[in-house]
Amino acid sequence: IGKPALPFNATTMNGSPVEFPKQYAGKIV
């Protein structure tokens, strides 16, 4: 807790790209 999460890129099962954590700005995931 308090440490930076590891950034990564992935693709979901429905084909959508994931850019973590950048695309979750304004949210918690």
mmCIF file of all heavy atoms, coordinates in Angstrom:
data_MODEL
# 
_entry.id   MODEL 
# 
loop_
_atom_site.group_PDB 
_atom_site.id 
_atom_site.type_symbol 
_atom_site.label_atom_id 
_atom_site.label_alt_id 
_atom_site.label_comp_id 
_atom_site.label_asym_id 
_atom_site.label_entity_id 
_atom_site.label_seq_id 
_atom_site.pdbx_PDB_ins_code 
_atom_site.Cartn_x 
_atom_site.Cartn_y 
_atom_site.Cartn_z 
_atom_site.occupancy 
_atom_site.B_iso_or_equiv 
_atom_site.pdbx_formal_charge 
_atom_site.auth_seq_id 
_atom_site.auth_comp_id 
_atom_site.auth_asym_id 
_atom_site.auth_atom_id 
_atom_site.pdbx_PDB_model_num 
ATOM 1   N N   . ILE A 1 1  ? 0.846   -1.197  0.000   1.00 0.00 ? 1  ILE A N   1 
ATOM 2   C CA  . ILE A 1 1  ? 0.000   0.000   0.000   1.00 0.00 ? 1  ILE A CA  1 
ATOM 3   C C   . ILE A 1 1  ? 0.880   1.245   0.000   1.00 0.00 ? 1  ILE A C   1 
ATOM 4   O O   . ILE A 1 1  ? 1.853   1.339   0.745   1.00 0.00 ? 1  ILE A O   1 
ATOM 5   C CB  . ILE A 1 1  ? -0.932  0.000   1.231   1.00 0.00 ? 1  ILE A CB  1 
ATOM 6   C CG1 . ILE A 1 1  ? -1.931  -1.154  1.135   1.00 0.00 ? 1  ILE A CG1 1 
ATOM 7   C CG2 . ILE A 1 1  ? -1.679  1.323   1.335   1.00 0.00 ? 1  ILE A CG2 1 
ATOM 8   C CD1 . ILE A 1 1  ? -2.795  -1.327  2.369   1.00 0.00 ? 1  ILE A CD1 1 
ATOM 9   N N   . GLY A 1 2  ? 0.531   2.191   -0.849  1.00 0.00 ? 2  GLY A N   1 
ATOM 10  C CA  . GLY A 1 2  ? 1.297   3.428   -0.953  1.00 0.00 ? 2  GLY A CA  1 
ATOM 11  C C   . GLY A 1 2  ? 2.335   3.405   -2.054  1.00 0.00 ? 2  GLY A C   1 
ATOM 12  O O   . GLY A 1 2  ? 2.852   4.459   -2.442  1.00 0.00 ? 2  GLY A O   1 
ATOM 13  N N   . LYS A 1 3  ? 2.648   2.227   -2.584  1.00 0.00 ? 3  LYS A N   1 
ATOM 14  C CA  . LYS A 1 3  ? 3.627   2.100   -3.654  1.00 0.00 ? 3  LYS A CA  1 
ATOM 15  C C   . LYS A 1 3  ? 2.941   2.266   -5.014  1.00 0.00 ? 3  LYS A C   1 
ATOM 16  O O   . LYS A 1 3  ? 1.737   2.061   -5.138  1.00 0.00 ? 3  LYS A O   1 
ATOM 17  C CB  . LYS A 1 3  ? 4.319   0.746   -3.593  1.00 0.00 ? 3  LYS A CB  1 
ATOM 18  C CG  . LYS A 1 3  ? 5.111   0.511   -2.313  1.00 0.00 ? 3  LYS A CG  1 
ATOM 19  C CD  . LYS A 1 3  ? 6.262   1.489   -2.193  1.00 0.00 ? 3  LYS A CD  1 
ATOM 20  C CE  . LYS A 1 3  ? 7.073   1.227   -0.948  1.00 0.00 ? 3  LYS A CE  1 
ATOM 21  N NZ  . LYS A 1 3  ? 8.249   2.141   -0.839  1.00 0.00 ? 3  LYS A NZ  1 
ATOM 22  N N   . PRO A 1 4  ? 3.688   2.640   -6.052  1.00 0.00 ? 4  PRO A N   1 
ATOM 23  C CA  . PRO A 1 4  ? 3.074   2.790   -7.376  1.00 0.00 ? 4  PRO A CA  1 
ATOM 24  C C   . PRO A 1 4  ? 2.731   1.437   -7.990  1.00 0.00 ? 4  PRO A C   1 
ATOM 25  O O   . PRO A 1 4  ? 3.511   0.493   -7.905  1.00 0.00 ? 4  PRO A O   1 
ATOM 26  C CB  . PRO A 1 4  ? 4.155   3.510   -8.188  1.00 0.00 ? 4  PRO A CB  1 
ATOM 27  C CG  . PRO A 1 4  ? 5.441   3.185   -7.492  1.00 0.00 ? 4  PRO A CG  1 
ATOM 28  C CD  . PRO A 1 4  ? 5.106   3.066   -6.043  1.00 0.00 ? 4  PRO A CD  1 
ATOM 29  N N   . ALA A 1 5  ? 1.563   1.352   -8.603  1.00 0.00 ? 5  ALA A N   1 
ATOM 30  C CA  . ALA A 1 5  ? 1.177   0.137   -9.306  1.00 0.00 ? 5  ALA A CA  1 
ATOM 31  C C   . ALA A 1 5  ? 2.010   -0.009  -10.573 1.00 0.00 ? 5  ALA A C   1 
ATOM 32  O O   . ALA A 1 5  ? 2.587   0.955   -11.075 1.00 0.00 ? 5  ALA A O   1 
ATOM 33  C CB  . ALA A 1 5  ? -0.312  0.185   -9.650  1.00 0.00 ? 5  ALA A CB  1 
ATOM 34  N N   . LEU A 1 6  ? 2.069   -1.221  -11.099 1.00 0.00 ? 6  LEU A N   1 
ATOM 35  C CA  . LEU A 1 6  ? 2.846   -1.476  -12.309 1.00 0.00 ? 6  LEU A CA  1 
ATOM 36  C C   . LEU A 1 6  ? 2.006   -1.128  -13.541 1.00 0.00 ? 6  LEU A C   1 
ATOM 37  O O   . LEU A 1 6  ? 0.932   -1.700  -13.732 1.00 0.00 ? 6  LEU A O   1 
ATOM 38  C CB  . LEU A 1 6  ? 3.255   -2.945  -12.368 1.00 0.00 ? 6  LEU A CB  1 
ATOM 39  C CG  . LEU A 1 6  ? 4.014   -3.494  -11.157 1.00 0.00 ? 6  LEU A CG  1 
ATOM 40  C CD1 . LEU A 1 6  ? 4.325   -4.976  -11.367 1.00 0.00 ? 6  LEU A CD1 1 
ATOM 41  C CD2 . LEU A 1 6  ? 5.294   -2.704  -10.911 1.00 0.00 ? 6  LEU A CD2 1 
ATOM 42  N N   . PRO A 1 7  ? 2.474   -0.231  -14.386 1.00 0.00 ? 7  PRO A N   1 
ATOM 43  C CA  . PRO A 1 7  ? 1.717   0.096   -15.608 1.00 0.00 ? 7  PRO A CA  1 
ATOM 44  C C   . PRO A 1 7  ? 1.828   -1.039  -16.623 1.00 0.00 ? 7  PRO A C   1 
ATOM 45  O O   . PRO A 1 7  ? 2.835   -1.745  -16.687 1.00 0.00 ? 7  PRO A O   1 
ATOM 46  C CB  . PRO A 1 7  ? 2.410   1.366   -16.111 1.00 0.00 ? 7  PRO A CB  1 
ATOM 47  C CG  . PRO A 1 7  ? 3.792   1.301   -15.561 1.00 0.00 ? 7  PRO A CG  1 
ATOM 48  C CD  . PRO A 1 7  ? 3.691   0.598   -14.243 1.00 0.00 ? 7  PRO A CD  1 
ATOM 49  N N   . PHE A 1 8  ? 0.785   -1.235  -17.417 1.00 0.00 ? 8  PHE A N   1 
ATOM 50  C CA  . PHE A 1 8  ? 0.824   -2.267  -18.443 1.00 0.00 ? 8  PHE A CA  1 
ATOM 51  C C   . PHE A 1 8  ? -0.220  -1.977  -19.508 1.00 0.00 ? 8  PHE A C   1 
ATOM 52  O O   . PHE A 1 8  ? -1.148  -1.185  -19.315 1.00 0.00 ? 8  PHE A O   1 
ATOM 53  C CB  . PHE A 1 8  ? 0.589   -3.659  -17.841 1.00 0.00 ? 8  PHE A CB  1 
ATOM 54  C CG  . PHE A 1 8  ? -0.748  -3.840  -17.175 1.00 0.00 ? 8  PHE A CG  1 
ATOM 55  C CD1 . PHE A 1 8  ? -1.904  -4.117  -17.918 1.00 0.00 ? 8  PHE A CD1 1 
ATOM 56  C CD2 . PHE A 1 8  ? -0.866  -3.729  -15.795 1.00 0.00 ? 8  PHE A CD2 1 
ATOM 57  C CE1 . PHE A 1 8  ? -3.136  -4.284  -17.307 1.00 0.00 ? 8  PHE A CE1 1 
ATOM 58  C CE2 . PHE A 1 8  ? -2.099  -3.901  -15.165 1.00 0.00 ? 8  PHE A CE2 1 
ATOM 59  C CZ  . PHE A 1 8  ? -3.228  -4.178  -15.919 1.00 0.00 ? 8  PHE A CZ  1 
ATOM 60  N N   . ASN A 1 9  ? -0.061  -2.663  -20.644 1.00 0.00 ? 9  ASN A N   1 
ATOM 61  C CA  . ASN A 1 9  ? -1.033  -2.641  -21.723 1.00 0.00 ? 9  ASN A CA  1 
ATOM 62  C C   . ASN A 1 9  ? -1.536  -4.061  -21.940 1.00 0.00 ? 9  ASN A C   1 
ATOM 63  O O   . ASN A 1 9  ? -0.756  -5.020  -21.870 1.00 0.00 ? 9  ASN A O   1 
ATOM 64  C CB  . ASN A 1 9  ? -0.412  -2.108  -23.017 1.00 0.00 ? 9  ASN A CB  1 
ATOM 65  C CG  . ASN A 1 9  ? -0.065  -0.634  -22.910 1.00 0.00 ? 9  ASN A CG  1 
ATOM 66  O OD1 . ASN A 1 9  ? -0.943  0.205   -22.742 1.00 0.00 ? 9  ASN A OD1 1 
ATOM 67  N ND2 . ASN A 1 9  ? 1.217   -0.318  -23.004 1.00 0.00 ? 9  ASN A ND2 1 
ATOM 68  N N   . ALA A 1 10 ? -2.825  -4.201  -22.191 1.00 0.00 ? 10 ALA A N   1 
ATOM 69  C CA  . ALA A 1 10 ? -3.410  -5.521  -22.407 1.00 0.00 ? 10 ALA A CA  1 
ATOM 70  C C   . ALA A 1 10 ? -4.628  -5.384  -23.308 1.00 0.00 ? 10 ALA A C   1 
ATOM 71  O O   . ALA A 1 10 ? -5.020  -4.276  -23.688 1.00 0.00 ? 10 ALA A O   1 
ATOM 72  C CB  . ALA A 1 10 ? -3.788  -6.162  -21.070 1.00 0.00 ? 10 ALA A CB  1 
ATOM 73  N N   . THR A 1 11 ? -5.221  -6.517  -23.635 1.00 0.00 ? 11 THR A N   1 
ATOM 74  C CA  . THR A 1 11 ? -6.432  -6.527  -24.445 1.00 0.00 ? 11 THR A CA  1 
ATOM 75  C C   . THR A 1 11 ? -7.474  -7.379  -23.744 1.00 0.00 ? 11 THR A C   1 
ATOM 76  O O   . THR A 1 11 ? -7.183  -8.505  -23.326 1.00 0.00 ? 11 THR A O   1 
ATOM 77  C CB  . THR A 1 11 ? -6.160  -7.105  -25.843 1.00 0.00 ? 11 THR A CB  1 
ATOM 78  O OG1 . THR A 1 11 ? -5.137  -6.340  -26.482 1.00 0.00 ? 11 THR A OG1 1 
ATOM 79  C CG2 . THR A 1 11 ? -7.415  -7.072  -26.696 1.00 0.00 ? 11 THR A CG2 1 
ATOM 80  N N   . THR A 1 12 ? -8.692  -6.866  -23.618 1.00 0.00 ? 12 THR A N   1 
ATOM 81  C CA  . THR A 1 12 ? -9.748  -7.595  -22.934 1.00 0.00 ? 12 THR A CA  1 
ATOM 82  C C   . THR A 1 12 ? -10.334 -8.678  -23.839 1.00 0.00 ? 12 THR A C   1 
ATOM 83  O O   . THR A 1 12 ? -10.049 -8.722  -25.042 1.00 0.00 ? 12 THR A O   1 
ATOM 84  C CB  . THR A 1 12 ? -10.873 -6.651  -22.485 1.00 0.00 ? 12 THR A CB  1 
ATOM 85  O OG1 . THR A 1 12 ? -11.530 -6.139  -23.650 1.00 0.00 ? 12 THR A OG1 1 
ATOM 86  C CG2 . THR A 1 12 ? -10.321 -5.503  -21.667 1.00 0.00 ? 12 THR A CG2 1 
ATOM 87  N N   . MET A 1 13 ? -11.185 -9.499  -23.275 1.00 0.00 ? 13 MET A N   1 
ATOM 88  C CA  . MET A 1 13 ? -11.789 -10.595 -24.036 1.00 0.00 ? 13 MET A CA  1 
ATOM 89  C C   . MET A 1 13 ? -12.718 -10.086 -25.134 1.00 0.00 ? 13 MET A C   1 
ATOM 90  O O   . MET A 1 13 ? -12.994 -10.818 -26.099 1.00 0.00 ? 13 MET A O   1 
ATOM 91  C CB  . MET A 1 13 ? -12.552 -11.529 -23.095 1.00 0.00 ? 13 MET A CB  1 
ATOM 92  C CG  . MET A 1 13 ? -11.647 -12.257 -22.106 1.00 0.00 ? 13 MET A CG  1 
ATOM 93  S SD  . MET A 1 13 ? -12.538 -13.465 -21.077 1.00 0.00 ? 13 MET A SD  1 
ATOM 94  C CE  . MET A 1 13 ? -12.835 -14.771 -22.281 1.00 0.00 ? 13 MET A CE  1 
ATOM 95  N N   . ASN A 1 14 ? -13.210 -8.860  -25.018 1.00 0.00 ? 14 ASN A N   1 
ATOM 96  C CA  . ASN A 1 14 ? -14.062 -8.311  -26.077 1.00 0.00 ? 14 ASN A CA  1 
ATOM 97  C C   . ASN A 1 14 ? -13.260 -7.491  -27.078 1.00 0.00 ? 14 ASN A C   1 
ATOM 98  O O   . ASN A 1 14 ? -13.830 -6.805  -27.937 1.00 0.00 ? 14 ASN A O   1 
ATOM 99  C CB  . ASN A 1 14 ? -15.196 -7.475  -25.483 1.00 0.00 ? 14 ASN A CB  1 
ATOM 100 C CG  . ASN A 1 14 ? -14.685 -6.277  -24.696 1.00 0.00 ? 14 ASN A CG  1 
ATOM 101 O OD1 . ASN A 1 14 ? -13.522 -5.898  -24.813 1.00 0.00 ? 14 ASN A OD1 1 
ATOM 102 N ND2 . ASN A 1 14 ? -15.547 -5.681  -23.882 1.00 0.00 ? 14 ASN A ND2 1 
ATOM 103 N N   . GLY A 1 15 ? -11.924 -7.551  -26.979 1.00 0.00 ? 15 GLY A N   1 
ATOM 104 C CA  . GLY A 1 15 ? -11.058 -6.895  -27.958 1.00 0.00 ? 15 GLY A CA  1 
ATOM 105 C C   . GLY A 1 15 ? -10.694 -5.470  -27.646 1.00 0.00 ? 15 GLY A C   1 
ATOM 106 O O   . GLY A 1 15 ? -9.993  -4.819  -28.436 1.00 0.00 ? 15 GLY A O   1 
ATOM 107 N N   . SER A 1 16 ? -11.103 -4.939  -26.506 1.00 0.00 ? 16 SER A N   1 
ATOM 108 C CA  . SER A 1 16 ? -10.801 -3.550  -26.153 1.00 0.00 ? 16 SER A CA  1 
ATOM 109 C C   . SER A 1 16 ? -9.398  -3.437  -25.555 1.00 0.00 ? 16 SER A C   1 
ATOM 110 O O   . SER A 1 16 ? -9.006  -4.267  -24.726 1.00 0.00 ? 16 SER A O   1 
ATOM 111 C CB  . SER A 1 16 ? -11.817 -3.022  -25.143 1.00 0.00 ? 16 SER A CB  1 
ATOM 112 O OG  . SER A 1 16 ? -13.127 -3.076  -25.670 1.00 0.00 ? 16 SER A OG  1 
ATOM 113 N N   . PRO A 1 17 ? -8.637  -2.399  -25.946 1.00 0.00 ? 17 PRO A N   1 
ATOM 114 C CA  . PRO A 1 17 ? -7.294  -2.214  -25.382 1.00 0.00 ? 17 PRO A CA  1 
ATOM 115 C C   . PRO A 1 17 ? -7.382  -1.648  -23.954 1.00 0.00 ? 17 PRO A C   1 
ATOM 116 O O   . PRO A 1 17 ? -8.303  -0.917  -23.621 1.00 0.00 ? 17 PRO A O   1 
ATOM 117 C CB  . PRO A 1 17 ? -6.638  -1.215  -26.333 1.00 0.00 ? 17 PRO A CB  1 
ATOM 118 C CG  . PRO A 1 17 ? -7.799  -0.438  -26.882 1.00 0.00 ? 17 PRO A CG  1 
ATOM 119 C CD  . PRO A 1 17 ? -8.940  -1.401  -26.978 1.00 0.00 ? 17 PRO A CD  1 
ATOM 120 N N   . VAL A 1 18 ? -6.423  -2.025  -23.129 1.00 0.00 ? 18 VAL A N   1 
ATOM 121 C CA  . VAL A 1 18 ? -6.326  -1.516  -21.760 1.00 0.00 ? 18 VAL A CA  1 
ATOM 122 C C   . VAL A 1 18 ? -4.973  -0.853  -21.593 1.00 0.00 ? 18 VAL A C   1 
ATOM 123 O O   . VAL A 1 18 ? -3.937  -1.463  -21.881 1.00 0.00 ? 18 VAL A O   1 
ATOM 124 C CB  . VAL A 1 18 ? -6.471  -2.652  -20.720 1.00 0.00 ? 18 VAL A CB  1 
ATOM 125 C CG1 . VAL A 1 18 ? -6.246  -2.114  -19.313 1.00 0.00 ? 18 VAL A CG1 1 
ATOM 126 C CG2 . VAL A 1 18 ? -7.831  -3.302  -20.829 1.00 0.00 ? 18 VAL A CG2 1 
ATOM 127 N N   . GLU A 1 19 ? -4.971  0.386   -21.151 1.00 0.00 ? 19 GLU A N   1 
ATOM 128 C CA  . GLU A 1 19 ? -3.739  1.090   -20.808 1.00 0.00 ? 19 GLU A CA  1 
ATOM 129 C C   . GLU A 1 19 ? -3.835  1.428   -19.322 1.00 0.00 ? 19 GLU A C   1 
ATOM 130 O O   . GLU A 1 19 ? -4.506  2.379   -18.938 1.00 0.00 ? 19 GLU A O   1 
ATOM 131 C CB  . GLU A 1 19 ? -3.576  2.357   -21.645 1.00 0.00 ? 19 GLU A CB  1 
ATOM 132 C CG  . GLU A 1 19 ? -2.216  3.021   -21.452 1.00 0.00 ? 19 GLU A CG  1 
ATOM 133 C CD  . GLU A 1 19 ? -2.014  4.204   -22.378 1.00 0.00 ? 19 GLU A CD  1 
ATOM 134 O OE1 . GLU A 1 19 ? -2.938  4.498   -23.174 1.00 0.00 ? 19 GLU A OE1 1 
ATOM 135 O OE2 . GLU A 1 19 ? -0.948  4.837   -22.293 1.00 0.00 ? 19 GLU A OE2 1 
ATOM 136 N N   . PHE A 1 20 ? -3.179  0.610   -18.527 1.00 0.00 ? 20 PHE A N   1 
ATOM 137 C CA  . PHE A 1 20 ? -3.316  0.702   -17.071 1.00 0.00 ? 20 PHE A CA  1 
ATOM 138 C C   . PHE A 1 20 ? -2.135  1.459   -16.466 1.00 0.00 ? 20 PHE A C   1 
ATOM 139 O O   . PHE A 1 20 ? -0.993  1.220   -16.848 1.00 0.00 ? 20 PHE A O   1 
ATOM 140 C CB  . PHE A 1 20 ? -3.383  -0.712  -16.483 1.00 0.00 ? 20 PHE A CB  1 
ATOM 141 C CG  . PHE A 1 20 ? -3.562  -0.744  -15.002 1.00 0.00 ? 20 PHE A CG  1 
ATOM 142 C CD1 . PHE A 1 20 ? -4.828  -0.707  -14.443 1.00 0.00 ? 20 PHE A CD1 1 
ATOM 143 C CD2 . PHE A 1 20 ? -2.469  -0.797  -14.156 1.00 0.00 ? 20 PHE A CD2 1 
ATOM 144 C CE1 . PHE A 1 20 ? -4.990  -0.723  -13.067 1.00 0.00 ? 20 PHE A CE1 1 
ATOM 145 C CE2 . PHE A 1 20 ? -2.624  -0.817  -12.792 1.00 0.00 ? 20 PHE A CE2 1 
ATOM 146 C CZ  . PHE A 1 20 ? -3.883  -0.771  -12.242 1.00 0.00 ? 20 PHE A CZ  1 
ATOM 147 N N   . PRO A 1 21 ? -2.388  2.362   -15.521 1.00 0.00 ? 21 PRO A N   1 
ATOM 148 C CA  . PRO A 1 21 ? -3.692  2.772   -14.979 1.00 0.00 ? 21 PRO A CA  1 
ATOM 149 C C   . PRO A 1 21 ? -4.259  4.020   -15.656 1.00 0.00 ? 21 PRO A C   1 
ATOM 150 O O   . PRO A 1 21 ? -5.279  4.539   -15.241 1.00 0.00 ? 21 PRO A O   1 
ATOM 151 C CB  . PRO A 1 21 ? -3.338  3.077   -13.524 1.00 0.00 ? 21 PRO A CB  1 
ATOM 152 C CG  . PRO A 1 21 ? -1.958  3.648   -13.601 1.00 0.00 ? 21 PRO A CG  1 
ATOM 153 C CD  . PRO A 1 21 ? -1.266  2.900   -14.711 1.00 0.00 ? 21 PRO A CD  1 
ATOM 154 N N   . LYS A 1 22 ? -3.579  4.475   -16.721 1.00 0.00 ? 22 LYS A N   1 
ATOM 155 C CA  . LYS A 1 22 ? -3.900  5.750   -17.338 1.00 0.00 ? 22 LYS A CA  1 
ATOM 156 C C   . LYS A 1 22 ? -5.364  5.894   -17.715 1.00 0.00 ? 22 LYS A C   1 
ATOM 157 O O   . LYS A 1 22 ? -5.984  6.947   -17.497 1.00 0.00 ? 22 LYS A O   1 
ATOM 158 C CB  . LYS A 1 22 ? -3.022  5.944   -18.579 1.00 0.00 ? 22 LYS A CB  1 
ATOM 159 C CG  . LYS A 1 22 ? -3.196  7.281   -19.265 1.00 0.00 ? 22 LYS A CG  1 
ATOM 160 C CD  . LYS A 1 22 ? -2.245  7.396   -20.453 1.00 0.00 ? 22 LYS A CD  1 
ATOM 161 C CE  . LYS A 1 22 ? -2.421  8.734   -21.158 1.00 0.00 ? 22 LYS A CE  1 
ATOM 162 N NZ  . LYS A 1 22 ? -1.501  8.854   -22.332 1.00 0.00 ? 22 LYS A NZ  1 
ATOM 163 N N   . GLN A 1 23 ? -5.963  4.828   -18.266 1.00 0.00 ? 23 GLN A N   1 
ATOM 164 C CA  . GLN A 1 23 ? -7.337  4.963   -18.754 1.00 0.00 ? 23 GLN A CA  1 
ATOM 165 C C   . GLN A 1 23 ? -8.368  4.974   -17.624 1.00 0.00 ? 23 GLN A C   1 
ATOM 166 O O   . GLN A 1 23 ? -9.558  5.165   -17.880 1.00 0.00 ? 23 GLN A O   1 
ATOM 167 C CB  . GLN A 1 23 ? -7.656  3.840   -19.731 1.00 0.00 ? 23 GLN A CB  1 
ATOM 168 C CG  . GLN A 1 23 ? -7.949  2.486   -19.117 1.00 0.00 ? 23 GLN A CG  1 
ATOM 169 C CD  . GLN A 1 23 ? -8.302  1.464   -20.175 1.00 0.00 ? 23 GLN A CD  1 
ATOM 170 O OE1 . GLN A 1 23 ? -7.504  1.194   -21.092 1.00 0.00 ? 23 GLN A OE1 1 
ATOM 171 N NE2 . GLN A 1 23 ? -9.493  0.895   -20.094 1.00 0.00 ? 23 GLN A NE2 1 
ATOM 172 N N   . TYR A 1 24 ? -7.936  4.796   -16.395 1.00 0.00 ? 24 TYR A N   1 
ATOM 173 C CA  . TYR A 1 24 ? -8.847  4.825   -15.250 1.00 0.00 ? 24 TYR A CA  1 
ATOM 174 C C   . TYR A 1 24 ? -8.744  6.145   -14.485 1.00 0.00 ? 24 TYR A C   1 
ATOM 175 O O   . TYR A 1 24 ? -9.055  6.205   -13.297 1.00 0.00 ? 24 TYR A O   1 
ATOM 176 C CB  . TYR A 1 24 ? -8.559  3.652   -14.315 1.00 0.00 ? 24 TYR A CB  1 
ATOM 177 C CG  . TYR A 1 24 ? -8.811  2.314   -14.965 1.00 0.00 ? 24 TYR A CG  1 
ATOM 178 C CD1 . TYR A 1 24 ? -7.759  1.573   -15.503 1.00 0.00 ? 24 TYR A CD1 1 
ATOM 179 C CD2 . TYR A 1 24 ? -10.101 1.798   -15.062 1.00 0.00 ? 24 TYR A CD2 1 
ATOM 180 C CE1 . TYR A 1 24 ? -7.991  0.353   -16.114 1.00 0.00 ? 24 TYR A CE1 1 
ATOM 181 C CE2 . TYR A 1 24 ? -10.349 0.577   -15.676 1.00 0.00 ? 24 TYR A CE2 1 
ATOM 182 C CZ  . TYR A 1 24 ? -9.283  -0.137  -16.198 1.00 0.00 ? 24 TYR A CZ  1 
ATOM 183 O OH  . TYR A 1 24 ? -9.519  -1.342  -16.812 1.00 0.00 ? 24 TYR A OH  1 
ATOM 184 N N   . ALA A 1 25 ? -8.310  7.191   -15.171 1.00 0.00 ? 25 ALA A N   1 
ATOM 185 C CA  . ALA A 1 25 ? -8.207  8.506   -14.542 1.00 0.00 ? 25 ALA A CA  1 
ATOM 186 C C   . ALA A 1 25 ? -9.566  8.929   -13.985 1.00 0.00 ? 25 ALA A C   1 
ATOM 187 O O   . ALA A 1 25 ? -10.607 8.739   -14.619 1.00 0.00 ? 25 ALA A O   1 
ATOM 188 C CB  . ALA A 1 25 ? -7.712  9.532   -15.557 1.00 0.00 ? 25 ALA A CB  1 
ATOM 189 N N   . GLY A 1 26 ? -9.544  9.483   -12.783 1.00 0.00 ? 26 GLY A N   1 
ATOM 190 C CA  . GLY A 1 26 ? -10.774 9.913   -12.127 1.00 0.00 ? 26 GLY A CA  1 
ATOM 191 C C   . GLY A 1 26 ? -11.497 8.788   -11.406 1.00 0.00 ? 26 GLY A C   1 
ATOM 192 O O   . GLY A 1 26 ? -12.542 9.011   -10.795 1.00 0.00 ? 26 GLY A O   1 
ATOM 193 N N   . LYS A 1 27 ? -10.948 7.564   -11.467 1.00 0.00 ? 27 LYS A N   1 
ATOM 194 C CA  . LYS A 1 27 ? -11.608 6.407   -10.870 1.00 0.00 ? 27 LYS A CA  1 
ATOM 195 C C   . LYS A 1 27 ? -10.634 5.643   -9.969  1.00 0.00 ? 27 LYS A C   1 
ATOM 196 O O   . LYS A 1 27 ? -9.437  5.949   -9.902  1.00 0.00 ? 27 LYS A O   1 
ATOM 197 C CB  . LYS A 1 27 ? -12.121 5.464   -11.965 1.00 0.00 ? 27 LYS A CB  1 
ATOM 198 C CG  . LYS A 1 27 ? -13.081 6.115   -12.954 1.00 0.00 ? 27 LYS A CG  1 
ATOM 199 C CD  . LYS A 1 27 ? -13.504 5.129   -14.037 1.00 0.00 ? 27 LYS A CD  1 
ATOM 200 C CE  . LYS A 1 27 ? -14.466 5.774   -15.018 1.00 0.00 ? 27 LYS A CE  1 
ATOM 201 N NZ  . LYS A 1 27 ? -14.907 4.802   -16.077 1.00 0.00 ? 27 LYS A NZ  1 
ATOM 202 N N   . ILE A 1 28 ? -11.160 4.635   -9.299  1.00 0.00 ? 28 ILE A N   1 
ATOM 203 C CA  . ILE A 1 28 ? -10.318 3.649   -8.637  1.00 0.00 ? 28 ILE A CA  1 
ATOM 204 C C   . ILE A 1 28 ? -10.660 2.299   -9.261  1.00 0.00 ? 28 ILE A C   1 
ATOM 205 O O   . ILE A 1 28 ? -11.804 2.048   -9.649  1.00 0.00 ? 28 ILE A O   1 
ATOM 206 C CB  . ILE A 1 28 ? -10.515 3.617   -7.109  1.00 0.00 ? 28 ILE A CB  1 
ATOM 207 C CG1 . ILE A 1 28 ? -11.949 3.257   -6.731  1.00 0.00 ? 28 ILE A CG1 1 
ATOM 208 C CG2 . ILE A 1 28 ? -10.114 4.945   -6.493  1.00 0.00 ? 28 ILE A CG2 1 
ATOM 209 C CD1 . ILE A 1 28 ? -12.149 3.092   -5.226  1.00 0.00 ? 28 ILE A CD1 1 
ATOM 210 N N   . VAL A 1 29 ? -9.657  1.437   -9.402  1.00 0.00 ? 29 VAL A N   1 
ATOM 211 C CA  . VAL A 1 29 ? -9.861  0.172   -10.101 1.00 0.00 ? 29 VAL A CA  1 
ATOM 212 C C   . VAL A 1 29 ? -9.258  -0.968  -9.291  1.00 0.00 ? 29 VAL A C   1 
ATOM 213 O O   . VAL A 1 29 ? -8.177  -0.850  -8.725  1.00 0.00 ? 29 VAL A O   1 
ATOM 214 C CB  . VAL A 1 29 ? -9.257  0.222   -11.517 1.00 0.00 ? 29 VAL A CB  1 
ATOM 215 C CG1 . VAL A 1 29 ? -7.781  0.591   -11.473 1.00 0.00 ? 29 VAL A CG1 1 
ATOM 216 C CG2 . VAL A 1 29 ? -9.438  -1.106  -12.236 1.00 0.00 ? 29 VAL A CG2 1 
# 
